[in-house]
Protein backbone atom coordinates (compact mmCIF):
# COMPACT_ATOMS: atom_id res chain seq x y z
CA MET A 1 118.08 119.24 105.21
CA MET A 2 117.79 116.23 107.50
CA GLN A 3 119.92 113.16 106.86
CA LEU A 4 117.91 110.71 104.76
CA LYS A 5 117.07 107.59 106.72
CA GLN A 6 117.54 104.43 104.74
CA GLU A 7 114.82 102.47 106.52
CA ARG A 8 113.28 99.55 104.66
CA LEU A 9 110.07 98.10 106.01
CA THR A 10 108.39 94.92 104.84
CA THR A 11 104.98 93.33 105.10
CA ASP A 12 103.68 90.06 103.73
CA ARG A 13 103.19 91.54 100.26
CA LEU A 14 105.02 94.86 100.25
CA GLU A 15 108.40 96.47 100.65
CA LEU A 16 108.44 100.09 101.80
CA ARG A 17 111.77 101.57 100.77
CA PRO A 18 113.41 104.94 100.16
CA TRP A 19 112.83 106.57 96.79
CA CYS A 20 115.54 106.59 94.13
CA LEU A 21 115.83 108.41 90.80
CA ASP A 22 115.40 105.10 88.96
CA ASP A 23 111.78 105.13 90.22
CA ALA A 24 110.95 108.14 88.00
CA PRO A 25 109.50 106.23 84.99
CA ALA A 26 107.28 104.03 87.18
CA LEU A 27 106.27 107.01 89.31
CA PHE A 28 105.30 108.92 86.18
CA GLU A 29 103.11 106.05 84.95
CA LEU A 30 101.14 106.09 88.20
CA ALA A 31 101.26 109.82 88.99
CA ARG A 32 100.09 111.03 85.57
CA ASP A 33 96.65 109.54 86.19
CA PRO A 34 94.20 112.35 87.02
CA HIS A 35 92.43 110.09 89.53
CA VAL A 36 95.48 109.97 91.82
CA GLY A 37 97.21 113.32 92.34
CA PRO A 38 94.29 115.71 92.84
CA ARG A 39 92.86 113.45 95.57
CA ALA A 40 96.25 113.56 97.31
CA GLY A 41 96.68 117.32 96.87
CA TRP A 42 98.94 117.53 93.82
CA GLN A 43 98.54 117.85 90.05
CA PRO A 44 99.09 114.87 87.74
CA HIS A 45 102.67 114.55 86.55
CA THR A 46 103.30 115.61 82.96
CA SER A 47 106.68 113.95 82.27
CA VAL A 48 109.25 111.50 83.58
CA GLU A 49 111.51 114.51 84.22
CA GLU A 50 108.84 116.07 86.45
CA SER A 51 108.60 112.79 88.37
CA ARG A 52 112.38 112.79 88.76
CA VAL A 53 112.27 116.33 90.20
CA VAL A 54 109.45 115.33 92.57
CA ILE A 55 111.57 112.44 93.82
CA GLN A 56 114.52 114.77 94.41
CA GLN A 57 112.61 117.66 95.97
CA VAL A 58 109.61 116.06 97.68
CA LEU A 59 109.87 112.30 98.12
CA ALA A 60 113.54 111.73 98.97
CA VAL A 61 113.12 112.78 102.59
CA PRO A 62 113.20 110.87 105.88
CA ASP A 63 110.25 108.55 106.48
CA SER A 64 108.99 108.76 102.89
CA PHE A 65 108.62 105.36 101.28
CA ALA A 66 108.02 103.96 97.82
CA ILE A 67 105.49 101.11 98.14
CA VAL A 68 106.66 98.15 96.06
CA GLU A 69 105.09 94.73 95.51
CA ARG A 70 107.51 92.17 96.88
CA ALA A 71 106.44 89.50 94.37
CA THR A 72 106.87 91.62 91.24
CA GLY A 73 109.00 94.62 92.21
CA ALA A 74 106.30 96.93 90.82
CA LEU A 75 105.96 100.40 92.28
CA VAL A 76 102.36 100.70 93.53
CA GLY A 77 102.31 103.98 95.45
CA ALA A 78 103.74 106.02 98.29
CA VAL A 79 103.41 106.34 102.05
CA ALA A 80 105.08 108.83 104.38
CA LEU A 81 105.23 110.25 107.84
CA LYS A 82 105.47 114.04 107.98
CA HIS A 83 107.00 115.52 111.09
CA GLU A 84 106.60 118.92 112.76
CA ASP A 85 108.88 120.75 110.29
CA ASP A 86 106.89 119.42 107.30
CA SER A 87 103.26 119.59 108.42
CA TYR A 88 101.05 122.29 109.91
CA LEU A 89 98.92 119.48 111.40
CA VAL A 90 101.72 118.23 113.65
CA GLY A 91 102.01 119.90 117.04
CA GLY A 92 105.28 118.52 118.39
CA SER A 93 108.28 116.28 117.92
CA ASP A 94 106.35 113.26 119.25
CA GLU A 95 103.61 113.59 116.60
CA ALA A 96 103.45 112.84 112.87
CA GLU A 97 101.03 113.03 109.97
CA LEU A 98 100.46 109.96 107.77
CA GLY A 99 99.95 110.39 104.04
CA TYR A 100 99.65 107.84 101.25
CA TRP A 101 98.41 107.18 97.73
CA ILE A 102 98.07 104.05 95.60
CA GLY A 103 98.19 104.00 91.79
CA VAL A 104 94.90 103.20 90.09
CA PRO A 105 96.00 99.79 88.69
CA PHE A 106 96.79 98.65 92.24
CA GLN A 107 93.79 100.05 94.10
CA GLY A 108 91.33 97.71 95.78
CA ARG A 109 93.95 95.20 96.92
CA GLY A 110 94.38 96.42 100.51
CA TYR A 111 97.85 97.83 99.83
CA ALA A 112 97.14 101.20 101.49
CA THR A 113 95.88 99.48 104.63
CA GLU A 114 98.87 97.13 104.72
CA ALA A 115 101.42 99.90 104.13
CA ALA A 116 99.78 102.28 106.62
CA ALA A 117 99.68 99.61 109.33
CA GLU A 118 103.41 98.95 108.94
CA VAL A 119 104.29 102.66 108.92
CA LEU A 120 102.17 103.18 112.05
CA ARG A 121 103.98 100.27 113.73
CA TYR A 122 107.30 101.86 112.74
CA ALA A 123 106.20 105.30 114.00
CA PHE A 124 105.04 104.10 117.40
CA GLU A 125 107.55 101.32 118.07
CA ASP A 126 110.73 102.47 116.33
CA GLU A 127 110.45 106.27 116.31
CA GLY A 128 108.66 106.80 119.61
CA ILE A 129 105.85 108.83 118.06
CA HIS A 130 102.85 109.21 120.38
CA ALA A 131 100.22 110.55 117.98
CA VAL A 132 99.64 110.21 114.25
């Protein structure tokens, strides 16, 4: 497994930071909603323990970020870059796939746009990615 990067990105309203096991209860509250997971390609979470396992096995990887409101510290969603080893859509080491989701209580605030813009900046400027 690749070494986990500890990048932290910030925007005016958001912090994009690595996932930690302490995020499991907040992740469960957002990820159990049936309007979130199926649209993003996964089933709603059924327990805090399941959310903890998802953090360990899926989210705690390089370039995967918890989206957190800077003003409140609330977890609002997730954003990630998937690289050639993690995505069939990526054709080389200079390409990445962008994925994201926002919890229902936080939708409609422009958080996905803000987080995606910062992750794209990071991909192109810091990681040298040429296509997303």
